Amino acid sequence: MEERHFSDISYEQFLNEEKLMGSRCKACGTVFVPPRPICVQCYAGEMEWVEMKGTGKLAAFTSIAVGPPFMVEEGYSRTNPYVSGVVELDEGARVVARIEGLDGSRPETIKIGTPLQVEFLHRGEGESLTTFLAFRPS
């Protein structure tokens, strides 16, 4: 991967390129996803980009039956809830994302610790293209 300065590109640009990027503190090595400009572990201000493998495990989740309008447009509702969760990445950082491939209407079947793989959900096109971070059981 070419060298890119931390302030020259955004997290969203990397998502559009289907890369899950975080920031790593140059002082203490703590990793954050999404990236932070300042380390909340040691308060240093020198961060660098680091690419995540995109694998991890489900640490927490919730089923959402009343979502924002764009989720309703995708077909989610009280009878078809979606799952949002906290994913503990193999690198140690935790990230909140949509969890695909799990039945939100049957939360009792969802298991903490389920292995997950990153997935990039593209919506819209051209200038209105938005990429959402999601994970799916691996």
C-alpha atoms as a PDB file:
ATOM      1  CA  MET A   1       0.000   0.000   0.000  1.00  0.00           C
ATOM      2  CA  GLU A   2       1.301   3.437  -0.856  1.00  0.00           C
ATOM      3  CA  GLU A   3       2.268   5.752   1.992  1.00  0.00           C
ATOM      4  CA  ARG A   4      -0.516   8.203   2.868  1.00  0.00           C
ATOM      5  CA  HIS A   5      -0.196  10.879   5.522  1.00  0.00           C
ATOM      6  CA  PHE A   6      -2.781  10.637   8.317  1.00  0.00           C
ATOM      7  CA  SER A   7      -4.391  14.003   7.527  1.00  0.00           C
ATOM      8  CA  ASP A   8      -4.441  13.533   3.716  1.00  0.00           C
ATOM      9  CA  ILE A   9      -7.269  11.010   3.456  1.00  0.00           C
ATOM     10  CA  SER A  10     -10.431  10.208   5.360  1.00  0.00           C
ATOM     11  CA  TYR A  11     -11.750   7.006   6.893  1.00  0.00           C
ATOM     12  CA  GLU A  12     -14.736   7.209   4.517  1.00  0.00           C
ATOM     13  CA  GLN A  13     -12.427   7.331   1.478  1.00  0.00           C
ATOM     14  CA  PHE A  14     -10.764   4.117   2.652  1.00  0.00           C
ATOM     15  CA  LEU A  15     -14.188   2.469   3.143  1.00  0.00           C
ATOM     16  CA  ASN A  16     -15.049   3.370  -0.464  1.00  0.00           C
ATOM     17  CA  GLU A  17     -11.814   1.574  -1.456  1.00  0.00           C
ATOM     18  CA  GLU A  18     -12.950  -1.439   0.640  1.00  0.00           C
ATOM     19  CA  LYS A  19     -10.157  -1.007   3.157  1.00  0.00           C
ATOM     20  CA  LEU A  20     -10.798  -1.107   6.894  1.00  0.00           C
ATOM     21  CA  MET A  21      -8.328   1.368   8.324  1.00  0.00           C
ATOM     22  CA  GLY A  22      -7.616   2.466  11.849  1.00  0.00           C
ATOM     23  CA  SER A  23      -5.137   4.731  13.540  1.00  0.00           C
ATOM     24  CA  ARG A  24      -2.219   3.578  15.651  1.00  0.00           C
ATOM     25  CA  CYS A  25      -0.562   5.775  18.240  1.00  0.00           C
ATOM     26  CA  LYS A  26       3.123   6.182  17.412  1.00  0.00           C
ATOM     27  CA  ALA A  27       3.898   6.580  21.131  1.00  0.00           C
ATOM     28  CA  CYS A  28       2.102   3.636  22.774  1.00  0.00           C
ATOM     29  CA  GLY A  29       0.873   1.507  19.848  1.00  0.00           C
ATOM     30  CA  THR A  30      -2.842   1.557  20.764  1.00  0.00           C
ATOM     31  CA  VAL A  31      -5.104   0.982  17.726  1.00  0.00           C
ATOM     32  CA  PHE A  32      -8.449   2.737  17.144  1.00  0.00           C
ATOM     33  CA  VAL A  33     -11.244   2.053  14.644  1.00  0.00           C
ATOM     34  CA  PRO A  34     -12.618   4.396  13.484  1.00  0.00           C
ATOM     35  CA  PRO A  35      -9.396   6.404  13.634  1.00  0.00           C
ATOM     36  CA  ARG A  36      -8.789   9.161  16.180  1.00  0.00           C
ATOM     37  CA  PRO A  37      -6.524  12.179  15.830  1.00  0.00           C
ATOM     38  CA  ILE A  38      -5.357  11.902  19.477  1.00  0.00           C
ATOM     39  CA  CYS A  39      -4.647   8.769  21.508  1.00  0.00           C
ATOM     40  CA  VAL A  40      -7.069   8.460  24.430  1.00  0.00           C
ATOM     41  CA  GLN A  41      -4.717   5.963  26.075  1.00  0.00           C
ATOM     42  CA  CYS A  42      -1.596   8.164  26.419  1.00  0.00           C
ATOM     43  CA  TYR A  43      -2.858  11.489  24.945  1.00  0.00           C
ATOM     44  CA  ALA A  44      -0.135  11.634  22.278  1.00  0.00           C
ATOM     45  CA  GLY A  45      -1.027  13.418  19.057  1.00  0.00           C
ATOM     46  CA  GLU A  46       1.027  11.471  16.527  1.00  0.00           C
ATOM     47  CA  MET A  47      -1.077   8.842  14.819  1.00  0.00           C
ATOM     48  CA  GLU A  48      -0.491   6.723  11.724  1.00  0.00           C
ATOM     49  CA  TRP A  49      -2.795   4.743   9.434  1.00  0.00           C
ATOM     50  CA  VAL A  50      -2.856   0.984   9.846  1.00  0.00           C
ATOM     51  CA  GLU A  51      -4.903  -1.470   7.777  1.00  0.00           C
ATOM     52  CA  MET A  52      -6.973  -4.003   9.701  1.00  0.00           C
ATOM     53  CA  LYS A  53      -7.270  -7.626   8.571  1.00  0.00           C
ATOM     54  CA  GLY A  54     -11.050  -7.286   8.765  1.00  0.00           C
ATOM     55  CA  THR A  55     -11.579 -10.272  11.028  1.00  0.00           C
ATOM     56  CA  GLY A  56     -12.787 -10.427  14.587  1.00  0.00           C
ATOM     57  CA  LYS A  57     -15.547 -11.669  16.851  1.00  0.00           C
ATOM     58  CA  LEU A  58     -18.903 -10.419  18.058  1.00  0.00           C
ATOM     59  CA  ALA A  59     -18.492  -8.782  21.479  1.00  0.00           C
ATOM     60  CA  ALA A  60     -22.020  -7.335  21.931  1.00  0.00           C
ATOM     61  CA  PHE A  61     -25.134  -6.784  19.808  1.00  0.00           C
ATOM     62  CA  THR A  62     -28.660  -5.443  19.654  1.00  0.00           C
ATOM     63  CA  SER A  63     -31.607  -6.092  17.352  1.00  0.00           C
ATOM     64  CA  ILE A  64     -33.126  -2.866  16.052  1.00  0.00           C
ATOM     65  CA  ALA A  65     -36.780  -2.920  15.013  1.00  0.00           C
ATOM     66  CA  VAL A  66     -37.341   0.826  14.570  1.00  0.00           C
ATOM     67  CA  GLY A  67     -34.461   2.149  12.533  1.00  0.00           C
ATOM     68  CA  PRO A  68     -33.605   5.350  10.686  1.00  0.00           C
ATOM     69  CA  PRO A  69     -35.375   6.065   7.362  1.00  0.00           C
ATOM     70  CA  PHE A  70     -32.583   4.654   5.174  1.00  0.00           C
ATOM     71  CA  MET A  71     -32.815   1.298   6.996  1.00  0.00           C
ATOM     72  CA  VAL A  72     -36.604   1.281   6.608  1.00  0.00           C
ATOM     73  CA  GLU A  73     -36.047   1.862   2.864  1.00  0.00           C
ATOM     74  CA  GLU A  74     -33.878  -1.272   2.839  1.00  0.00           C
ATOM     75  CA  GLY A  75     -36.817  -3.276   4.217  1.00  0.00           C
ATOM     76  CA  TYR A  76     -36.089  -3.352   7.936  1.00  0.00           C
ATOM     77  CA  SER A  77     -39.050  -2.960  10.291  1.00  0.00           C
ATOM     78  CA  ARG A  78     -40.660  -4.231  13.485  1.00  0.00           C
ATOM     79  CA  THR A  79     -41.183  -7.586  11.779  1.00  0.00           C
ATOM     80  CA  ASN A  80     -37.733  -7.609  10.136  1.00  0.00           C
ATOM     81  CA  PRO A  81     -35.209  -6.088  12.596  1.00  0.00           C
ATOM     82  CA  TYR A  82     -31.537  -5.670  11.752  1.00  0.00           C
ATOM     83  CA  VAL A  83     -28.535  -6.377  13.968  1.00  0.00           C
ATOM     84  CA  SER A  84     -25.957  -3.830  15.067  1.00  0.00           C
ATOM     85  CA  GLY A  85     -23.000  -4.940  17.124  1.00  0.00           C
ATOM     86  CA  VAL A  86     -19.622  -4.316  18.645  1.00  0.00           C
ATOM     87  CA  VAL A  87     -16.892  -6.233  16.846  1.00  0.00           C
ATOM     88  CA  GLU A  88     -13.611  -6.926  18.600  1.00  0.00           C
ATOM     89  CA  LEU A  89     -11.069  -6.959  15.790  1.00  0.00           C
ATOM     90  CA  ASP A  90      -8.121  -9.351  15.837  1.00  0.00           C
ATOM     91  CA  GLU A  91      -5.875  -6.283  16.302  1.00  0.00           C
ATOM     92  CA  GLY A  92      -7.658  -5.491  19.601  1.00  0.00           C
ATOM     93  CA  ALA A  93      -9.684  -2.435  18.581  1.00  0.00           C
ATOM     94  CA  ARG A  94     -13.474  -2.499  18.905  1.00  0.00           C
ATOM     95  CA  VAL A  95     -15.797  -1.046  16.280  1.00  0.00           C
ATOM     96  CA  VAL A  96     -19.575  -0.668  16.082  1.00  0.00           C
ATOM     97  CA  ALA A  97     -21.052  -1.866  12.794  1.00  0.00           C
ATOM     98  CA  ARG A  98     -24.039  -3.475  11.165  1.00  0.00           C
ATOM     99  CA  ILE A  99     -23.974  -7.278  11.384  1.00  0.00           C
ATOM    100  CA  GLU A 100     -25.271  -8.995   8.254  1.00  0.00           C
ATOM    101  CA  GLY A 101     -26.366 -12.632   8.011  1.00  0.00           C
ATOM    102  CA  LEU A 102     -27.846 -12.906  11.512  1.00  0.00           C
ATOM    103  CA  ASP A 103     -31.566 -13.135  12.265  1.00  0.00           C
ATOM    104  CA  GLY A 104     -32.494 -10.011  14.234  1.00  0.00           C
ATOM    105  CA  SER A 105     -35.977 -11.412  14.862  1.00  0.00           C
ATOM    106  CA  ARG A 106     -34.409 -14.313  16.812  1.00  0.00           C
ATOM    107  CA  PRO A 107     -31.753 -12.703  19.025  1.00  0.00           C
ATOM    108  CA  GLU A 108     -31.588 -15.826  21.205  1.00  0.00           C
ATOM    109  CA  THR A 109     -29.822 -17.582  18.297  1.00  0.00           C
ATOM    110  CA  ILE A 110     -27.049 -14.961  18.106  1.00  0.00           C
ATOM    111  CA  LYS A 111     -23.915 -15.926  20.022  1.00  0.00           C
ATOM    112  CA  ILE A 112     -21.291 -13.632  21.527  1.00  0.00           C
ATOM    113  CA  GLY A 113     -17.905 -14.702  20.200  1.00  0.00           C
ATOM    114  CA  THR A 114     -19.184 -15.513  16.690  1.00  0.00           C
ATOM    115  CA  PRO A 115     -16.265 -15.127  14.233  1.00  0.00           C
ATOM    116  CA  LEU A 116     -16.875 -12.266  11.790  1.00  0.00           C
ATOM    117  CA  GLN A 117     -15.429 -10.968   8.515  1.00  0.00           C
ATOM    118  CA  VAL A 118     -15.653  -7.372   7.245  1.00  0.00           C
ATOM    119  CA  GLU A 119     -18.131  -6.518   4.493  1.00  0.00           C
ATOM    120  CA  PHE A 120     -18.509  -3.183   2.697  1.00  0.00           C
ATOM    121  CA  LEU A 121     -22.065  -2.136   1.805  1.00  0.00           C
ATOM    122  CA  HIS A 122     -22.198   0.345  -1.092  1.00  0.00           C
ATOM    123  CA  ARG A 123     -25.318   2.505  -1.447  1.00  0.00           C
ATOM    124  CA  GLY A 124     -25.980   5.092  -4.152  1.00  0.00           C
ATOM    125  CA  GLU A 125     -23.682   5.879  -7.046  1.00  0.00           C
ATOM    126  CA  GLY A 126     -21.413   8.594  -8.376  1.00  0.00           C
ATOM    127  CA  GLU A 127     -21.183  11.610  -6.079  1.00  0.00           C
ATOM    128  CA  SER A 128     -23.850  10.155  -3.774  1.00  0.00           C
ATOM    129  CA  LEU A 129     -21.996   6.851  -3.227  1.00  0.00           C
ATOM    130  CA  THR A 130     -21.802   5.961   0.463  1.00  0.00           C
ATOM    131  CA  THR A 131     -20.089   2.902   1.874  1.00  0.00           C
ATOM    132  CA  PHE A 132     -21.196   1.440   5.185  1.00  0.00           C
ATOM    133  CA  LEU A 133     -19.094  -0.820   7.361  1.00  0.00           C
ATOM    134  CA  ALA A 134     -20.645  -4.183   8.136  1.00  0.00           C
ATOM    135  CA  PHE A 135     -19.548  -7.625   9.252  1.00  0.00           C
ATOM    136  CA  ARG A 136     -20.827 -11.100   8.426  1.00  0.00           C
ATOM    137  CA  PRO A 137     -20.208 -14.466  10.130  1.00  0.00           C
ATOM    138  CA  SER A 138     -17.120 -16.085   8.614  1.00  0.00           C
END
